[in-house]
Amino acid sequence: MTFVDFVAQVFGGEELGRVSTEDGLIGHGEIRVGDTVVPAFDRHADWPRMPSLLRVFVADPFGNIWWGVSYVEDVSEAEMWRRRRDPVYEAIRVVQETLDAELSGQAHGRSSAPVRAIS
């Protein structure tokens, strides 16, 4: 059972989607619980265990990591993959690597490229 499955089951939520990564983890998932969409992703084994992770990315002077997300638009899966090739979305890789470096304590973080779902 993944974290996404757990949240959906325990809170009576509905999984809206997930993006698997090349290392087999969930790079991004969304669960609707009531009128709230909860984003989630798998932790890497070398990240510290935490009770939760709010997706806001800003490093503050207290050592906290914040990730901010907001809804922009719904897009089809085909459009998502088209945009993924656009260089402007390179920032996503940088965010993933920076978060991983902070949580793992490594000098350089990892990012995981998404893989298409097998139909």
PDB file of N, CA and C in Angstrom:
ATOM      1  N   MET A   1       0.857  -1.179   0.000  1.00  0.00           N
ATOM      2  CA  MET A   1       0.000   0.000   0.000  1.00  0.00           C
ATOM      3  C   MET A   1       0.897   1.235   0.000  1.00  0.00           C
ATOM      4  N   THR A   2       0.602   2.181  -0.865  1.00  0.00           N
ATOM      5  CA  THR A   2       1.346   3.427  -0.916  1.00  0.00           C
ATOM      6  C   THR A   2       0.688   4.459  -0.008  1.00  0.00           C
ATOM      7  N   PHE A   3       1.385   5.578   0.206  1.00  0.00           N
ATOM      8  CA  PHE A   3       0.815   6.665   1.007  1.00  0.00           C
ATOM      9  C   PHE A   3      -0.464   7.185   0.368  1.00  0.00           C
ATOM     10  N   VAL A   4      -0.469   7.307  -0.957  1.00  0.00           N
ATOM     11  CA  VAL A   4      -1.664   7.772  -1.665  1.00  0.00           C
ATOM     12  C   VAL A   4      -2.828   6.829  -1.391  1.00  0.00           C
ATOM     13  N   ASP A   5      -2.591   5.509  -1.491  1.00  0.00           N
ATOM     14  CA  ASP A   5      -3.631   4.528  -1.193  1.00  0.00           C
ATOM     15  C   ASP A   5      -4.112   4.665   0.246  1.00  0.00           C
ATOM     16  N   PHE A   6      -3.169   4.824   1.171  1.00  0.00           N
ATOM     17  CA  PHE A   6      -3.489   4.940   2.592  1.00  0.00           C
ATOM     18  C   PHE A   6      -4.396   6.138   2.867  1.00  0.00           C
ATOM     19  N   VAL A   7      -4.025   7.312   2.344  1.00  0.00           N
ATOM     20  CA  VAL A   7      -4.827   8.521   2.571  1.00  0.00           C
ATOM     21  C   VAL A   7      -6.226   8.350   1.987  1.00  0.00           C
ATOM     22  N   ALA A   8      -6.296   7.811   0.772  1.00  0.00           N
ATOM     23  CA  ALA A   8      -7.604   7.605   0.143  1.00  0.00           C
ATOM     24  C   ALA A   8      -8.472   6.661   0.978  1.00  0.00           C
ATOM     25  N   GLN A   9      -7.888   5.595   1.480  1.00  0.00           N
ATOM     26  CA  GLN A   9      -8.649   4.606   2.253  1.00  0.00           C
ATOM     27  C   GLN A   9      -9.043   5.145   3.624  1.00  0.00           C
ATOM     28  N   VAL A  10      -8.108   5.694   4.361  1.00  0.00           N
ATOM     29  CA  VAL A  10      -8.359   6.124   5.734  1.00  0.00           C
ATOM     30  C   VAL A  10      -9.312   7.317   5.805  1.00  0.00           C
ATOM     31  N   PHE A  11      -9.170   8.258   4.878  1.00  0.00           N
ATOM     32  CA  PHE A  11      -9.986   9.465   4.926  1.00  0.00           C
ATOM     33  C   PHE A  11     -11.154   9.435   3.949  1.00  0.00           C
ATOM     34  N   GLY A  12     -11.404   8.275   3.356  1.00  0.00           N
ATOM     35  CA  GLY A  12     -12.506   8.167   2.419  1.00  0.00           C
ATOM     36  C   GLY A  12     -12.310   9.046   1.203  1.00  0.00           C
ATOM     37  N   GLY A  13     -11.066   9.209   0.800  1.00  0.00           N
ATOM     38  CA  GLY A  13     -10.757  10.084  -0.324  1.00  0.00           C
ATOM     39  C   GLY A  13     -10.819   9.362  -1.649  1.00  0.00           C
ATOM     40  N   GLU A  14     -10.708  10.140  -2.699  1.00  0.00           N
ATOM     41  CA  GLU A  14     -10.704   9.623  -4.057  1.00  0.00           C
ATOM     42  C   GLU A  14      -9.376   9.994  -4.702  1.00  0.00           C
ATOM     43  N   GLU A  15      -8.648   8.997  -5.162  1.00  0.00           N
ATOM     44  CA  GLU A  15      -7.398   9.285  -5.860  1.00  0.00           C
ATOM     45  C   GLU A  15      -7.718   9.931  -7.197  1.00  0.00           C
ATOM     46  N   LEU A  16      -7.141  11.096  -7.436  1.00  0.00           N
ATOM     47  CA  LEU A  16      -7.357  11.809  -8.695  1.00  0.00           C
ATOM     48  C   LEU A  16      -6.314  11.443  -9.732  1.00  0.00           C
ATOM     49  N   GLY A  17      -5.148  11.020  -9.279  1.00  0.00           N
ATOM     50  CA  GLY A  17      -4.104  10.626 -10.205  1.00  0.00           C
ATOM     51  C   GLY A  17      -2.770  10.492  -9.520  1.00  0.00           C
ATOM     52  N   ARG A  18      -1.845   9.872 -10.229  1.00  0.00           N
ATOM     53  CA  ARG A  18      -0.479   9.733  -9.731  1.00  0.00           C
ATOM     54  C   ARG A  18       0.470   9.672 -10.908  1.00  0.00           C
ATOM     55  N   VAL A  19       1.692  10.142 -10.683  1.00  0.00           N
ATOM     56  CA  VAL A  19       2.744  10.073 -11.690  1.00  0.00           C
ATOM     57  C   VAL A  19       3.855   9.217 -11.099  1.00  0.00           C
ATOM     58  N   SER A  20       4.076   8.068 -11.713  1.00  0.00           N
ATOM     59  CA  SER A  20       5.159   7.191 -11.272  1.00  0.00           C
ATOM     60  C   SER A  20       6.472   7.707 -11.832  1.00  0.00           C
ATOM     61  N   THR A  21       7.541   7.451 -11.110  1.00  0.00           N
ATOM     62  CA  THR A  21       8.861   7.889 -11.532  1.00  0.00           C
ATOM     63  C   THR A  21       9.706   6.694 -11.944  1.00  0.00           C
ATOM     64  N   GLU A  22      10.836   6.981 -12.575  1.00  0.00           N
ATOM     65  CA  GLU A  22      11.671   5.908 -13.100  1.00  0.00           C
ATOM     66  C   GLU A  22      12.219   4.987 -12.011  1.00  0.00           C
ATOM     67  N   ASP A  23      12.238   5.446 -10.764  1.00  0.00           N
ATOM     68  CA  ASP A  23      12.714   4.587  -9.678  1.00  0.00           C
ATOM     69  C   ASP A  23      11.575   3.830  -8.997  1.00  0.00           C
ATOM     70  N   GLY A  24      10.353   3.890  -9.579  1.00  0.00           N
ATOM     71  CA  GLY A  24       9.231   3.119  -9.070  1.00  0.00           C
ATOM     72  C   GLY A  24       8.417   3.792  -7.979  1.00  0.00           C
ATOM     73  N   LEU A  25       8.812   4.991  -7.574  1.00  0.00           N
ATOM     74  CA  LEU A  25       8.073   5.706  -6.539  1.00  0.00           C
ATOM     75  C   LEU A  25       6.993   6.578  -7.166  1.00  0.00           C
ATOM     76  N   ILE A  26       6.163   7.156  -6.314  1.00  0.00           N
ATOM     77  CA  ILE A  26       5.171   8.116  -6.776  1.00  0.00           C
ATOM     78  C   ILE A  26       5.811   9.493  -6.690  1.00  0.00           C
ATOM     79  N   GLY A  27       6.017  10.138  -7.823  1.00  0.00           N
ATOM     80  CA  GLY A  27       6.615  11.471  -7.856  1.00  0.00           C
ATOM     81  C   GLY A  27       5.600  12.546  -7.542  1.00  0.00           C
ATOM     82  N   HIS A  28       4.332  12.282  -7.855  1.00  0.00           N
ATOM     83  CA  HIS A  28       3.250  13.212  -7.534  1.00  0.00           C
ATOM     84  C   HIS A  28       1.949  12.436  -7.569  1.00  0.00           C
ATOM     85  N   GLY A  29       1.141  12.643  -6.550  1.00  0.00           N
ATOM     86  CA  GLY A  29      -0.194  12.056  -6.502  1.00  0.00           C
ATOM     87  C   GLY A  29      -1.151  13.064  -5.916  1.00  0.00           C
ATOM     88  N   GLU A  30      -2.432  12.909  -6.223  1.00  0.00           N
ATOM     89  CA  GLU A  30      -3.448  13.799  -5.671  1.00  0.00           C
ATOM     90  C   GLU A  30      -4.633  12.974  -5.194  1.00  0.00           C
ATOM     91  N   ILE A  31      -5.130  13.319  -3.999  1.00  0.00           N
ATOM     92  CA  ILE A  31      -6.279  12.658  -3.408  1.00  0.00           C
ATOM     93  C   ILE A  31      -7.281  13.731  -3.017  1.00  0.00           C
ATOM     94  N   ARG A  32      -8.527  13.577  -3.457  1.00  0.00           N
ATOM     95  CA  ARG A  32      -9.574  14.511  -3.028  1.00  0.00           C
ATOM     96  C   ARG A  32     -10.191  13.947  -1.760  1.00  0.00           C
ATOM     97  N   VAL A  33     -10.147  14.750  -0.698  1.00  0.00           N
ATOM     98  CA  VAL A  33     -10.778  14.400   0.572  1.00  0.00           C
ATOM     99  C   VAL A  33     -11.785  15.510   0.852  1.00  0.00           C
ATOM    100  N   GLY A  34     -13.060  15.197   0.733  1.00  0.00           N
ATOM    101  CA  GLY A  34     -14.085  16.228   0.851  1.00  0.00           C
ATOM    102  C   GLY A  34     -13.928  17.213  -0.292  1.00  0.00           C
ATOM    103  N   ASP A  35     -13.785  18.498   0.038  1.00  0.00           N
ATOM    104  CA  ASP A  35     -13.604  19.507  -1.007  1.00  0.00           C
ATOM    105  C   ASP A  35     -12.149  19.961  -1.130  1.00  0.00           C
ATOM    106  N   THR A  36     -11.229  19.167  -0.559  1.00  0.00           N
ATOM    107  CA  THR A  36      -9.818  19.518  -0.557  1.00  0.00           C
ATOM    108  C   THR A  36      -9.009  18.498  -1.353  1.00  0.00           C
ATOM    109  N   VAL A  37      -8.089  18.991  -2.170  1.00  0.00           N
ATOM    110  CA  VAL A  37      -7.188  18.100  -2.892  1.00  0.00           C
ATOM    111  C   VAL A  37      -5.858  18.079  -2.141  1.00  0.00           C
ATOM    112  N   VAL A  38      -5.443  16.882  -1.756  1.00  0.00           N
ATOM    113  CA  VAL A  38      -4.209  16.700  -0.993  1.00  0.00           C
ATOM    114  C   VAL A  38      -3.130  16.164  -1.936  1.00  0.00           C
ATOM    115  N   PRO A  39      -2.056  16.943  -2.172  1.00  0.00           N
ATOM    116  CA  PRO A  39      -0.952  16.429  -2.985  1.00  0.00           C
ATOM    117  C   PRO A  39      -0.034  15.578  -2.119  1.00  0.00           C
ATOM    118  N   ALA A  40       0.549  14.557  -2.702  1.00  0.00           N
ATOM    119  CA  ALA A  40       1.434  13.685  -1.932  1.00  0.00           C
ATOM    120  C   ALA A  40       2.440  13.034  -2.868  1.00  0.00           C
ATOM    121  N   PHE A  41       3.541  12.566  -2.302  1.00  0.00           N
ATOM    122  CA  PHE A  41       4.537  11.820  -3.060  1.00  0.00           C
ATOM    123  C   PHE A  41       5.271  10.907  -2.105  1.00  0.00           C
ATOM    124  N   ASP A  42       5.918   9.891  -2.658  1.00  0.00           N
ATOM    125  CA  ASP A  42       6.680   8.945  -1.839  1.00  0.00           C
ATOM    126  C   ASP A  42       7.971   9.579  -1.350  1.00  0.00           C
ATOM    127  N   ARG A  43       8.397   9.165  -0.172  1.00  0.00           N
ATOM    128  CA  ARG A  43       9.679   9.612   0.354  1.00  0.00           C
ATOM    129  C   ARG A  43      10.749   8.619  -0.060  1.00  0.00           C
ATOM    130  N   HIS A  44      11.960   9.115  -0.229  1.00  0.00           N
ATOM    131  CA  HIS A  44      13.099   8.242  -0.506  1.00  0.00           C
ATOM    132  C   HIS A  44      13.581   7.652   0.817  1.00  0.00           C
ATOM    133  N   ALA A  45      14.174   6.492   0.759  1.00  0.00           N
ATOM    134  CA  ALA A  45      14.600   5.781   1.968  1.00  0.00           C
ATOM    135  C   ALA A  45      15.584   6.590   2.812  1.00  0.00           C
ATOM    136  N   ASP A  46      16.385   7.465   2.192  1.00  0.00           N
ATOM    137  CA  ASP A  46      17.369   8.210   2.972  1.00  0.00           C
ATOM    138  C   ASP A  46      16.851   9.565   3.459  1.00  0.00           C
ATOM    139  N   TRP A  47      15.571   9.868   3.244  1.00  0.00           N
ATOM    140  CA  TRP A  47      14.976  11.071   3.819  1.00  0.00           C
ATOM    141  C   TRP A  47      14.566  10.785   5.259  1.00  0.00           C
ATOM    142  N   PRO A  48      14.588  11.777   6.121  1.00  0.00           N
ATOM    143  CA  PRO A  48      14.140  11.540   7.498  1.00  0.00           C
ATOM    144  C   PRO A  48      12.640  11.245   7.519  1.00  0.00           C
ATOM    145  N   ARG A  49      12.218  10.480   8.503  1.00  0.00           N
ATOM    146  CA  ARG A  49      10.783  10.206   8.658  1.00  0.00           C
ATOM    147  C   ARG A  49      10.138  11.460   9.225  1.00  0.00           C
ATOM    148  N   MET A  50       8.978  11.814   8.684  1.00  0.00           N
ATOM    149  CA  MET A  50       8.250  13.008   9.124  1.00  0.00           C
ATOM    150  C   MET A  50       6.775  12.659   9.246  1.00  0.00           C
ATOM    151  N   PRO A  51       6.058  13.380  10.113  1.00  0.00           N
ATOM    152  CA  PRO A  51       4.626  13.108  10.208  1.00  0.00           C
ATOM    153  C   PRO A  51       3.851  13.618   8.994  1.00  0.00           C
ATOM    154  N   SER A  52       4.347  14.621   8.301  1.00  0.00           N
ATOM    155  CA  SER A  52       3.675  15.132   7.103  1.00  0.00           C
ATOM    156  C   SER A  52       4.620  16.031   6.335  1.00  0.00           C
ATOM    157  N   LEU A  53       4.253  16.354   5.116  1.00  0.00           N
ATOM    158  CA  LEU A  53       5.054  17.257   4.308  1.00  0.00           C
ATOM    159  C   LEU A  53       4.108  18.132   3.511  1.00  0.00           C
ATOM    160  N   LEU A  54       4.069  19.412   3.809  1.00  0.00           N
ATOM    161  CA  LEU A  54       3.259  20.379   3.093  1.00  0.00           C
ATOM    162  C   LEU A  54       4.073  20.889   1.919  1.00  0.00           C
ATOM    163  N   ARG A  55       3.497  20.885   0.736  1.00  0.00           N
ATOM    164  CA  ARG A  55       4.251  21.229  -0.465  1.00  0.00           C
ATOM    165  C   ARG A  55       4.325  22.730  -0.675  1.00  0.00           C
ATOM    166  N   VAL A  56       5.307  23.334  -0.076  1.00  0.00           N
ATOM    167  CA  VAL A  56       5.620  24.741  -0.261  1.00  0.00           C
ATOM    168  C   VAL A  56       7.136  24.792  -0.310  1.00  0.00           C
ATOM    169  N   PHE A  57       7.742  25.335  -1.348  1.00  0.00           N
ATOM    170  CA  PHE A  57       9.199  25.315  -1.397  1.00  0.00           C
ATOM    171  C   PHE A  57       9.767  26.703  -1.192  1.00  0.00           C
ATOM    172  N   VAL A  58      10.247  26.945   0.010  1.00  0.00           N
ATOM    173  CA  VAL A  58      10.995  28.143   0.374  1.00  0.00           C
ATOM    174  C   VAL A  58      11.844  27.713   1.560  1.00  0.00           C
ATOM    175  N   ALA A  59      13.125  27.954   1.528  1.00  0.00           N
ATOM    176  CA  ALA A  59      13.964  27.642   2.678  1.00  0.00           C
ATOM    177  C   ALA A  59      13.974  28.883   3.563  1.00  0.00           C
ATOM    178  N   ASP A  60      13.507  28.725   4.798  1.00  0.00           N
ATOM    179  CA  ASP A  60      13.493  29.875   5.703  1.00  0.00           C
ATOM    180  C   ASP A  60      14.698  29.807   6.636  1.00  0.00           C
ATOM    181  N   PRO A  61      14.956  30.858   7.411  1.00  0.00           N
ATOM    182  CA  PRO A  61      16.156  30.876   8.261  1.00  0.00           C
ATOM    183  C   PRO A  61      16.126  29.872   9.405  1.00  0.00           C
ATOM    184  N   PHE A  62      14.991  29.194   9.597  1.00  0.00           N
ATOM    185  CA  PHE A  62      14.867  28.224  10.684  1.00  0.00           C
ATOM    186  C   PHE A  62      15.124  26.800  10.201  1.00  0.00           C
ATOM    187  N   GLY A  63      15.460  26.654   8.904  1.00  0.00           N
ATOM    188  CA  GLY A  63      15.750  25.333   8.363  1.00  0.00           C
ATOM    189  C   GLY A  63      14.532  24.585   7.853  1.00  0.00           C
ATOM    190  N   ASN A  64      13.371  25.233   7.814  1.00  0.00           N
ATOM    191  CA  ASN A  64      12.176  24.590   7.280  1.00  0.00           C
ATOM    192  C   ASN A  64      12.166  24.683   5.765  1.00  0.00           C
ATOM    193  N   ILE A  65      11.536  23.732   5.132  1.00  0.00           N
ATOM    194  CA  ILE A  65      11.367  23.738   3.687  1.00  0.00           C
ATOM    195  C   ILE A  65       9.884  23.914   3.409  1.00  0.00           C
ATOM    196  N   TRP A  66       9.547  24.892   2.606  1.00  0.00           N
ATOM    197  CA  TRP A  66       8.157  25.173   2.254  1.00  0.00           C
ATOM    198  C   TRP A  66       7.971  24.975   0.763  1.00  0.00           C
ATOM    199  N   TRP A  67       6.888  24.364   0.373  1.00  0.00           N
ATOM    200  CA  TRP A  67       6.522  24.227  -1.040  1.00  0.00           C
ATOM    201  C   TRP A  67       5.185  24.915  -1.216  1.00  0.00           C
ATOM    202  N   GLY A  68       5.083  25.795  -2.191  1.00  0.00           N
ATOM    203  CA  GLY A  68       3.808  26.453  -2.485  1.00  0.00           C
ATOM    204  C   GLY A  68       3.260  25.949  -3.801  1.00  0.00           C
ATOM    205  N   VAL A  69       2.034  25.541  -3.810  1.00  0.00           N
ATOM    206  CA  VAL A  69       1.406  25.078  -5.041  1.00  0.00           C
ATOM    207  C   VAL A  69       0.062  25.766  -5.199  1.00  0.00           C
ATOM    208  N   SER A  70      -0.337  25.960  -6.412  1.00  0.00           N
ATOM    209  CA  SER A  70      -1.660  26.517  -6.664  1.00  0.00           C
ATOM    210  C   SER A  70      -2.215  25.920  -7.947  1.00  0.00           C
ATOM    211  N   TYR A  71      -3.525  25.879  -8.024  1.00  0.00           N
ATOM    212  CA  TYR A  71      -4.199  25.356  -9.197  1.00  0.00           C
ATOM    213  C   TYR A  71      -4.060  26.346 -10.341  1.00  0.00           C
ATOM    214  N   VAL A  72      -3.726  25.857 -11.511  1.00  0.00           N
ATOM    215  CA  VAL A  72      -3.622  26.715 -12.682  1.00  0.00           C
ATOM    216  C   VAL A  72      -4.665  26.298 -13.713  1.00  0.00           C
ATOM    217  N   GLU A  73      -4.636  25.038 -14.108  1.00  0.00           N
ATOM    218  CA  GLU A  73      -5.571  24.563 -15.121  1.00  0.00           C
ATOM    219  C   GLU A  73      -5.552  23.050 -15.190  1.00  0.00           C
ATOM    220  N   ASP A  74      -6.605  22.472 -15.744  1.00  0.00           N
ATOM    221  CA  ASP A  74      -6.633  21.047 -16.040  1.00  0.00           C
ATOM    222  C   ASP A  74      -6.109  20.860 -17.451  1.00  0.00           C
ATOM    223  N   VAL A  75      -5.260  19.863 -17.646  1.00  0.00           N
ATOM    224  CA  VAL A  75      -4.760  19.555 -18.982  1.00  0.00           C
ATOM    225  C   VAL A  75      -4.867  18.053 -19.210  1.00  0.00           C
ATOM    226  N   SER A  76      -4.964  17.678 -20.468  1.00  0.00           N
ATOM    227  CA  SER A  76      -5.023  16.261 -20.819  1.00  0.00           C
ATOM    228  C   SER A  76      -3.657  15.623 -20.584  1.00  0.00           C
ATOM    229  N   GLU A  77      -3.644  14.289 -20.528  1.00  0.00           N
ATOM    230  CA  GLU A  77      -2.370  13.601 -20.362  1.00  0.00           C
ATOM    231  C   GLU A  77      -1.444  13.885 -21.547  1.00  0.00           C
ATOM    232  N   ALA A  78      -1.998  13.931 -22.760  1.00  0.00           N
ATOM    233  CA  ALA A  78      -1.181  14.227 -23.939  1.00  0.00           C
ATOM    234  C   ALA A  78      -0.538  15.609 -23.821  1.00  0.00           C
ATOM    235  N   GLU A  79      -1.295  16.589 -23.347  1.00  0.00           N
ATOM    236  CA  GLU A  79      -0.748  17.939 -23.178  1.00  0.00           C
ATOM    237  C   GLU A  79       0.312  17.967 -22.084  1.00  0.00           C
ATOM    238  N   MET A  80       0.097  17.189 -21.017  1.00  0.00           N
ATOM    239  CA  MET A  80       1.092  17.117 -19.948  1.00  0.00           C
ATOM    240  C   MET A  80       2.429  16.638 -20.506  1.00  0.00           C
ATOM    241  N   TRP A  81       2.405  15.563 -21.325  1.00  0.00           N
ATOM    242  CA  TRP A  81       3.646  15.029 -21.884  1.00  0.00           C
ATOM    243  C   TRP A  81       4.262  16.003 -22.880  1.00  0.00           C
ATOM    244  N   ARG A  82       3.443  16.732 -23.655  1.00  0.00           N
ATOM    245  CA  ARG A  82       3.970  17.730 -24.585  1.00  0.00           C
ATOM    246  C   ARG A  82       4.701  18.821 -23.817  1.00  0.00           C
ATOM    247  N   ARG A  83       4.076  19.311 -22.741  1.00  0.00           N
ATOM    248  CA  ARG A  83       4.695  20.371 -21.940  1.00  0.00           C
ATOM    249  C   ARG A  83       5.949  19.887 -21.233  1.00  0.00           C
ATOM    250  N   ARG A  84       5.982  18.624 -20.878  1.00  0.00           N
ATOM    251  CA  ARG A  84       7.135  18.066 -20.173  1.00  0.00           C
ATOM    252  C   ARG A  84       8.409  18.251 -20.991  1.00  0.00           C
ATOM    253  N   ARG A  85       8.300  18.278 -22.313  1.00  0.00           N
ATOM    254  CA  ARG A  85       9.471  18.455 -23.189  1.00  0.00           C
ATOM    255  C   ARG A  85       9.873  19.915 -23.322  1.00  0.00           C
ATOM    256  N   ASP A  86       9.042  20.825 -22.846  1.00  0.00           N
ATOM    257  CA  ASP A  86       9.320  22.255 -22.958  1.00  0.00           C
ATOM    258  C   ASP A  86      10.386  22.650 -21.936  1.00  0.00           C
ATOM    259  N   PRO A  87      11.454  23.325 -22.362  1.00  0.00           N
ATOM    260  CA  PRO A  87      12.534  23.697 -21.430  1.00  0.00           C
ATOM    261  C   PRO A  87      12.085  24.543 -20.233  1.00  0.00           C
ATOM    262  N   VAL A  88      10.978  25.259 -20.348  1.00  0.00           N
ATOM    263  CA  VAL A  88      10.531  26.087 -19.234  1.00  0.00           C
ATOM    264  C   VAL A  88      10.197  25.228 -18.007  1.00  0.00           C
ATOM    265  N   TYR A  89       9.862  23.965 -18.228  1.00  0.00           N
ATOM    266  CA  TYR A  89       9.515  23.092 -17.115  1.00  0.00           C
ATOM    267  C   TYR A  89      10.738  22.434 -16.473  1.00  0.00           C
ATOM    268  N   GLU A  90      11.917  22.819 -16.916  1.00  0.00           N
ATOM    269  CA  GLU A  90      13.158  22.336 -16.307  1.00  0.00           C
ATOM    270  C   GLU A  90      13.213  22.693 -14.829  1.00  0.00           C
ATOM    271  N   ALA A  91      12.501  23.756 -14.438  1.00  0.00           N
ATOM    272  CA  ALA A  91      12.483  24.181 -13.037  1.00  0.00           C
ATOM    273  C   ALA A  91      11.960  23.076 -12.123  1.00  0.00           C
ATOM    274  N   ILE A  92      11.094  22.232 -12.630  1.00  0.00           N
ATOM    275  CA  ILE A  92      10.555  21.133 -11.817  1.00  0.00           C
ATOM    276  C   ILE A  92      11.691  20.206 -11.389  1.00  0.00           C
ATOM    277  N   ARG A  93      12.602  19.909 -12.315  1.00  0.00           N
ATOM    278  CA  ARG A  93      13.740  19.056 -11.977  1.00  0.00           C
ATOM    279  C   ARG A  93      14.587  19.698 -10.888  1.00  0.00           C
ATOM    280  N   VAL A  94      14.814  21.008 -11.001  1.00  0.00           N
ATOM    281  CA  VAL A  94      15.613  21.724 -10.012  1.00  0.00           C
ATOM    282  C   VAL A  94      14.939  21.666  -8.635  1.00  0.00           C
ATOM    283  N   VAL A  95      13.638  21.840  -8.607  1.00  0.00           N
ATOM    284  CA  VAL A  95      12.906  21.771  -7.336  1.00  0.00           C
ATOM    285  C   VAL A  95      13.036  20.382  -6.730  1.00  0.00           C
ATOM    286  N   GLN A  96      12.852  19.337  -7.535  1.00  0.00           N
ATOM    287  CA  GLN A  96      12.979  17.968  -7.030  1.00  0.00           C
ATOM    288  C   GLN A  96      14.374  17.715  -6.469  1.00  0.00           C
ATOM    289  N   GLU A  97      15.404  18.127  -7.206  1.00  0.00           N
ATOM    290  CA  GLU A  97      16.773  17.888  -6.762  1.00  0.00           C
ATOM    291  C   GLU A  97      17.096  18.661  -5.483  1.00  0.00           C
ATOM    292  N   THR A  98      16.610  19.890  -5.393  1.00  0.00           N
ATOM    293  CA  THR A  98      16.865  20.703  -4.205  1.00  0.00           C
ATOM    294  C   THR A  98      16.179  20.114  -2.978  1.00  0.00           C
ATOM    295  N   LEU A  99      14.930  19.700  -3.131  1.00  0.00           N
ATOM    296  CA  LEU A  99      14.206  19.077  -2.016  1.00  0.00           C
ATOM    297  C   LEU A  99      14.911  17.807  -1.566  1.00  0.00           C
ATOM    298  N   ASP A 100      15.285  16.959  -2.523  1.00  0.00           N
ATOM    299  CA  ASP A 100      15.952  15.711  -2.180  1.00  0.00           C
ATOM    300  C   ASP A 100      17.276  15.969  -1.467  1.00  0.00           C
ATOM    301  N   ALA A 101      18.054  16.960  -1.937  1.00  0.00           N
ATOM    302  CA  ALA A 101      19.335  17.276  -1.287  1.00  0.00           C
ATOM    303  C   ALA A 101      19.105  17.718   0.159  1.00  0.00           C
ATOM    304  N   GLU A 102      18.096  18.554   0.385  1.00  0.00           N
ATOM    305  CA  GLU A 102      17.799  19.021   1.745  1.00  0.00           C
ATOM    306  C   GLU A 102      17.386  17.872   2.655  1.00  0.00           C
ATOM    307  N   LEU A 103      16.493  17.006   2.166  1.00  0.00           N
ATOM    308  CA  LEU A 103      15.969  15.936   3.016  1.00  0.00           C
ATOM    309  C   LEU A 103      16.954  14.801   3.231  1.00  0.00           C
ATOM    310  N   SER A 104      17.777  14.507   2.214  1.00  0.00           N
ATOM    311  CA  SER A 104      18.711  13.392   2.339  1.00  0.00           C
ATOM    312  C   SER A 104      20.040  13.802   2.967  1.00  0.00           C
ATOM    313  N   GLY A 105      20.301  15.115   3.024  1.00  0.00           N
ATOM    314  CA  GLY A 105      21.569  15.583   3.565  1.00  0.00           C
ATOM    315  C   GLY A 105      22.722  15.406   2.595  1.00  0.00           C
ATOM    316  N   GLN A 106      22.424  15.078   1.348  1.00  0.00           N
ATOM    317  CA  GLN A 106      23.453  14.894   0.329  1.00  0.00           C
ATOM    318  C   GLN A 106      23.781  16.233  -0.320  1.00  0.00           C
ATOM    319  N   ALA A 107      24.954  16.334  -0.901  1.00  0.00           N
ATOM    320  CA  ALA A 107      25.359  17.572  -1.571  1.00  0.00           C
ATOM    321  C   ALA A 107      24.542  17.814  -2.835  1.00  0.00           C
ATOM    322  N   HIS A 108      24.175  16.737  -3.513  1.00  0.00           N
ATOM    323  CA  HIS A 108      23.411  16.847  -4.760  1.00  0.00           C
ATOM    324  C   HIS A 108      22.179  15.961  -4.656  1.00  0.00           C
ATOM    325  N   GLY A 109      21.030  16.515  -4.990  1.00  0.00           N
ATOM    326  CA  GLY A 109      19.781  15.762  -4.922  1.00  0.00           C
ATOM    327  C   GLY A 109      19.471  15.030  -6.205  1.00  0.00           C
ATOM    328  N   ARG A 110      18.503  14.135  -6.100  1.00  0.00           N
ATOM    329  CA  ARG A 110      18.038  13.363  -7.243  1.00  0.00           C
ATOM    330  C   ARG A 110      16.725  13.946  -7.740  1.00  0.00           C
ATOM    331  N   SER A 111      16.467  13.753  -9.001  1.00  0.00           N
ATOM    332  CA  SER A 111      15.126  13.983  -9.532  1.00  0.00           C
ATOM    333  C   SER A 111      14.756  12.721 -10.277  1.00  0.00           C
ATOM    334  N   SER A 112      13.489  12.482 -10.405  1.00  0.00           N
ATOM    335  CA  SER A 112      13.040  11.290 -11.103  1.00  0.00           C
ATOM    336  C   SER A 112      12.146  11.697 -12.252  1.00  0.00           C
ATOM    337  N   ALA A 113      12.537  11.307 -13.426  1.00  0.00           N
ATOM    338  CA  ALA A 113      11.714  11.605 -14.594  1.00  0.00           C
ATOM    339  C   ALA A 113      10.455  10.759 -14.530  1.00  0.00           C
ATOM    340  N   PRO A 114       9.303  11.338 -14.860  1.00  0.00           N
ATOM    341  CA  PRO A 114       8.072  10.547 -14.864  1.00  0.00           C
ATOM    342  C   PRO A 114       8.102   9.525 -15.984  1.00  0.00           C
ATOM    343  N   VAL A 115       7.329   8.481 -15.813  1.00  0.00           N
ATOM    344  CA  VAL A 115       7.180   7.458 -16.857  1.00  0.00           C
ATOM    345  C   VAL A 115       5.702   7.362 -17.207  1.00  0.00           C
ATOM    346  N   ARG A 116       5.425   7.049 -18.438  1.00  0.00           N
ATOM    347  CA  ARG A 116       4.032   6.906 -18.865  1.00  0.00           C
ATOM    348  C   ARG A 116       3.419   5.672 -18.215  1.00  0.00           C
ATOM    349  N   ALA A 117       2.142   5.807 -17.862  1.00  0.00           N
ATOM    350  CA  ALA A 117       1.413   4.671 -17.321  1.00  0.00           C
ATOM    351  C   ALA A 117       1.288   3.606 -18.409  1.00  0.00           C
ATOM    352  N   ILE A 118       1.373   2.352 -18.007  1.00  0.00           N
ATOM    353  CA  ILE A 118       1.224   1.260 -18.947  1.00  0.00           C
ATOM    354  C   ILE A 118      -0.265   0.950 -19.072  1.00  0.00           C
ATOM    355  N   SER A 119      -0.756   1.003 -20.285  1.00  0.00           N
ATOM    356  CA  SER A 119      -2.188   0.764 -20.515  1.00  0.00           C
ATOM    357  C   SER A 119      -2.449  -0.691 -20.802  1.00  0.00           C
TER     358      SER A 119
END
